[in-house]
């Protein structure tokens, strides 16, 4: 983009990279629920930009899977909006290209955060039996990947059910020190190590109802801290 652009993002093969010094957009430019007044600092990624990027991801995924059926494994709770919009976009694109594609959605829930910190304890909540994945093309759909520890553990769990192929779509990937594990095959945005909420991403179950991805304020962290 032009050097004087207010949006400091650069498109790369592995997602759109948002620079460390990008403060986000002023809240005055957008609408958001009044009950979060003072609880967020800025709109980091507007909803329209999210949706446009998801359409690009859907196109890339469709090109890779061709006419093969796929099971989307949605990681709850934060991934539910991303998964719904991604699957819908894939379906729309497949119809426009006259491809025969069957998509099935299964759900699994992971819990590893307390307040704004990732913990060492990972809890997989959901069907213990994922035998329906055996021999299938699986697309894990996750809203955010930071250290990679959670994704590494989930991949190990899914691989025990012997799927044919595993792909990972991550809407957000954080640049964090000492990151480990596998990065997603399909990345929406690469962001700095900031705690963001909205578009189903939460802070202790709050902020999921924001349409935009926003930066939580210090007041918001204190207000909703457990």
Protein backbone atom coordinates (compact mmCIF):
# COMPACT_ATOMS: atom_id res chain seq x y z
CA UNK A 1 0.00 0.00 0.00
CA UNK A 2 1.06 3.64 -0.29
CA UNK A 3 3.44 4.82 2.43
CA UNK A 4 1.01 7.47 3.64
CA UNK A 5 -1.86 5.01 4.04
CA UNK A 6 -3.38 5.14 7.55
CA UNK A 7 -3.85 1.36 7.47
CA UNK A 8 -0.44 -0.18 7.99
CA UNK A 9 -1.08 -3.59 6.52
CA UNK A 10 0.83 -5.52 3.90
CA UNK A 11 -0.54 -8.51 2.07
CA UNK A 12 1.63 -11.62 2.23
CA UNK A 13 1.20 -15.24 1.18
CA UNK A 14 0.43 -16.30 4.76
CA UNK A 15 -2.14 -13.64 5.51
CA UNK A 16 -2.44 -9.89 5.82
CA UNK A 17 0.16 -8.60 8.25
CA UNK A 18 -0.87 -5.82 10.61
CA UNK A 19 2.14 -3.84 11.83
CA UNK A 20 3.08 -3.56 15.51
CA UNK A 21 2.39 0.20 15.65
CA UNK A 22 -1.10 0.04 14.12
CA UNK A 23 -3.40 1.57 16.78
CA UNK A 24 -6.68 0.72 15.07
CA UNK A 25 -9.51 2.97 13.96
CA UNK A 26 -11.21 5.54 16.14
CA UNK A 27 -14.39 4.25 17.76
CA UNK A 28 -16.18 7.39 16.52
CA UNK A 29 -16.11 5.97 12.99
CA UNK A 30 -18.15 2.87 13.84
CA UNK A 31 -21.22 1.69 15.67
CA UNK A 32 -20.92 -0.78 18.53
CA UNK A 33 -23.05 -1.81 21.52
CA UNK A 34 -23.47 1.06 23.96
CA UNK A 35 -22.92 -1.23 26.95
CA UNK A 36 -19.26 -1.53 25.92
CA UNK A 37 -18.65 2.21 26.03
CA UNK A 38 -15.23 2.73 27.61
CA UNK A 39 -14.43 -0.99 27.52
CA UNK A 40 -12.67 -1.01 24.14
CA UNK A 41 -9.86 1.19 22.83
CA UNK A 42 -10.30 0.98 19.08
CA UNK A 43 -11.70 -0.98 16.16
CA UNK A 44 -8.72 -3.07 15.08
CA UNK A 45 -10.24 -4.89 12.09
CA UNK A 46 -13.64 -3.71 10.81
CA UNK A 47 -16.32 -6.30 10.07
CA UNK A 48 -16.33 -5.55 6.34
CA UNK A 49 -12.59 -6.18 6.08
CA UNK A 50 -13.03 -9.47 7.95
CA UNK A 51 -15.72 -10.63 5.55
CA UNK A 52 -13.69 -9.67 2.47
CA UNK A 53 -10.67 -11.59 3.76
CA UNK A 54 -12.84 -14.64 4.52
CA UNK A 55 -14.01 -14.66 0.91
CA UNK A 56 -10.36 -14.78 -0.20
CA UNK A 57 -9.66 -17.66 2.20
CA UNK A 58 -12.72 -19.51 0.92
CA UNK A 59 -11.48 -19.19 -2.65
CA UNK A 60 -8.05 -20.57 -1.72
CA UNK A 61 -9.56 -23.46 0.23
CA UNK A 62 -11.93 -24.34 -2.60
CA UNK A 63 -9.05 -24.40 -5.08
CA UNK A 64 -7.15 -26.81 -2.84
CA UNK A 65 -9.96 -29.24 -2.04
CA UNK A 66 -11.52 -29.29 -5.51
CA UNK A 67 -14.58 -31.55 -5.57
CA UNK A 68 -13.60 -33.52 -2.48
CA UNK A 69 -16.03 -33.55 0.42
CA UNK A 70 -14.78 -31.95 3.61
CA UNK A 71 -15.64 -31.89 7.30
CA UNK A 72 -15.16 -28.50 8.93
CA UNK A 73 -14.22 -28.93 12.59
CA UNK A 74 -15.24 -25.69 14.28
CA UNK A 75 -13.33 -24.76 17.43
CA UNK A 76 -15.81 -23.22 19.86
CA UNK A 77 -16.67 -20.80 21.18
CA UNK A 78 -14.55 -18.15 19.53
CA UNK A 79 -14.59 -19.75 16.10
CA UNK A 80 -18.32 -20.05 15.56
CA UNK A 81 -18.79 -16.84 13.54
CA UNK A 82 -15.65 -17.37 11.50
CA UNK A 83 -16.66 -20.95 10.74
CA UNK A 84 -20.21 -20.04 9.77
CA UNK A 85 -19.09 -17.24 7.45
CA UNK A 86 -16.25 -19.30 5.95
CA UNK A 87 -18.43 -22.33 5.23
CA UNK A 88 -21.14 -20.15 3.71
CA UNK A 89 -18.59 -18.39 1.51
CA UNK A 90 -17.16 -21.74 0.33
CA UNK A 91 -20.67 -22.97 -0.51
CA UNK A 92 -21.50 -19.83 -2.47
CA UNK A 93 -18.25 -20.00 -4.43
CA UNK A 94 -18.70 -23.70 -5.15
CA UNK A 95 -22.17 -23.07 -6.58
CA UNK A 96 -20.86 -20.29 -8.81
CA UNK A 97 -18.21 -22.63 -10.24
CA UNK A 98 -20.61 -25.58 -10.62
CA UNK A 99 -18.53 -27.75 -8.30
CA UNK A 100 -20.12 -30.60 -6.42
CA UNK A 101 -19.05 -30.16 -2.83
CA UNK A 102 -20.49 -31.55 0.39
CA UNK A 103 -19.52 -29.80 3.61
CA UNK A 104 -20.29 -31.16 7.04
CA UNK A 105 -19.66 -29.19 10.22
CA UNK A 106 -18.68 -30.72 13.55
CA UNK A 107 -17.86 -28.88 16.76
CA UNK A 108 -15.23 -29.09 19.45
CA UNK A 109 -14.55 -26.70 22.31
CA UNK A 110 -11.16 -25.75 23.72
CA UNK A 111 -10.55 -23.76 26.88
CA UNK A 112 -7.09 -22.47 27.80
CA UNK A 113 -7.53 -18.81 28.81
CA UNK A 114 -8.04 -17.17 32.19
CA UNK A 115 -8.79 -13.46 31.85
CA UNK A 116 -6.29 -12.30 29.17
CA UNK A 117 -3.62 -14.95 29.77
CA UNK A 118 -3.15 -18.32 28.08
CA UNK A 119 -2.70 -21.07 30.65
CA UNK A 120 -0.86 -24.38 30.48
CA UNK A 121 -4.10 -26.26 31.07
CA UNK A 122 -5.92 -27.16 27.87
CA UNK A 123 -9.37 -28.64 28.16
CA UNK A 124 -10.95 -30.29 25.11
CA UNK A 125 -14.70 -30.21 25.55
CA UNK A 126 -16.86 -31.95 23.00
CA UNK A 127 -17.40 -35.35 21.47
CA UNK A 128 -14.69 -37.73 22.64
CA UNK A 129 -15.43 -39.93 19.65
CA UNK A 130 -14.47 -38.19 16.42
CA UNK A 131 -14.46 -41.40 14.42
CA UNK A 132 -16.51 -39.65 11.73
CA UNK A 133 -13.22 -37.98 10.71
CA UNK A 134 -11.56 -41.27 9.73
CA UNK A 135 -10.55 -41.22 6.07
CA UNK A 136 -12.06 -37.75 5.54
CA UNK A 137 -10.66 -34.37 4.50
CA UNK A 138 -10.79 -32.25 7.65
CA UNK A 139 -10.58 -28.47 7.89
CA UNK A 140 -10.01 -27.24 11.44
CA UNK A 141 -11.48 -23.74 11.77
CA UNK A 142 -10.00 -21.68 14.59
CA UNK A 143 -10.51 -17.98 15.29
CA UNK A 144 -7.10 -17.22 16.79
CA UNK A 145 -3.71 -18.91 17.10
CA UNK A 146 -1.09 -17.45 19.43
CA UNK A 147 1.57 -19.67 21.03
CA UNK A 148 0.51 -22.61 18.89
CA UNK A 149 0.35 -24.94 21.90
CA UNK A 150 -3.42 -25.26 21.71
CA UNK A 151 -3.36 -26.01 17.99
CA UNK A 152 -0.55 -28.52 18.44
CA UNK A 153 -2.56 -30.40 21.08
CA UNK A 154 -5.72 -30.32 18.96
CA UNK A 155 -3.90 -31.63 15.89
CA UNK A 156 -2.47 -34.49 17.93
CA UNK A 157 -5.97 -35.31 19.17
CA UNK A 158 -7.53 -35.19 15.69
CA UNK A 159 -4.74 -37.26 14.12
CA UNK A 160 -5.59 -40.20 16.39
CA UNK A 161 -8.82 -40.62 14.38
CA UNK A 162 -6.84 -41.08 11.14
CA UNK A 163 -8.35 -38.47 8.80
CA UNK A 164 -7.23 -38.50 5.18
CA UNK A 165 -5.99 -34.92 5.27
CA UNK A 166 -5.98 -32.12 7.82
CA UNK A 167 -5.99 -28.43 6.94
CA UNK A 168 -6.18 -25.52 9.37
CA UNK A 169 -7.83 -22.17 8.78
CA UNK A 170 -7.03 -19.46 11.32
CA UNK A 171 -8.61 -16.03 11.13
CA UNK A 172 -5.95 -14.45 13.35
CA UNK A 173 -2.37 -15.45 14.08
CA UNK A 174 -0.57 -13.54 16.82
CA UNK A 175 3.12 -12.73 16.69
CA UNK A 176 4.20 -13.95 20.09
CA UNK A 177 7.63 -14.81 21.51
CA UNK A 178 8.47 -18.50 21.78
CA UNK A 179 5.61 -19.56 19.53
CA UNK A 180 5.53 -23.29 18.89
CA UNK A 181 3.53 -25.72 16.84
CA UNK A 182 2.06 -25.60 13.38
CA UNK A 183 0.79 -22.41 11.84
CA UNK A 184 -2.53 -22.51 9.95
CA UNK A 185 -2.53 -23.39 6.27
CA UNK A 186 -4.94 -20.53 5.62
CA UNK A 187 -4.35 -17.31 7.56
CA UNK A 188 -6.63 -14.31 7.63
CA UNK A 189 -4.54 -11.75 9.50
CA UNK A 190 -1.21 -11.78 11.32
CA UNK A 191 -1.48 -9.39 14.25
CA UNK A 192 0.74 -8.09 17.05
CA UNK A 193 0.54 -9.65 20.50
CA UNK A 194 -2.47 -7.62 21.62
CA UNK A 195 -5.57 -8.95 23.32
CA UNK A 196 -8.46 -8.51 20.91
CA UNK A 197 -12.17 -9.19 21.28
CA UNK A 198 -15.25 -9.22 19.09
CA UNK A 199 -16.48 -11.28 16.15
CA UNK A 200 -17.12 -14.05 18.72
CA UNK A 201 -13.75 -13.60 20.46
CA UNK A 202 -14.33 -13.03 24.16
CA UNK A 203 -12.88 -11.85 27.42
CA UNK A 204 -14.45 -14.03 30.10
CA UNK A 205 -17.51 -14.56 27.85
CA UNK A 206 -18.04 -10.83 27.15
CA UNK A 207 -17.63 -8.99 23.81
CA UNK A 208 -18.69 -11.91 21.58
CA UNK A 209 -21.55 -9.70 20.33
CA UNK A 210 -19.21 -7.13 18.75
CA UNK A 211 -19.22 -7.30 14.95
CA UNK A 212 -15.74 -5.78 14.64
CA UNK A 213 -12.50 -7.11 16.08
CA UNK A 214 -11.50 -4.58 18.73
CA UNK A 215 -8.76 -3.91 21.26
CA UNK A 216 -10.02 -4.21 24.82
CA UNK A 217 -9.21 -1.33 27.15
CA UNK A 218 -7.60 -1.63 30.59
CA UNK A 219 -10.92 -0.55 32.07
CA UNK A 220 -12.64 -3.40 30.21
CA UNK A 221 -10.12 -5.93 31.53
CA UNK A 222 -10.71 -4.80 35.09
CA UNK A 223 -14.49 -4.55 34.71
CA UNK A 224 -14.94 -8.10 33.47
CA UNK A 225 -12.05 -9.80 35.29
CA UNK A 226 -12.83 -13.02 37.12
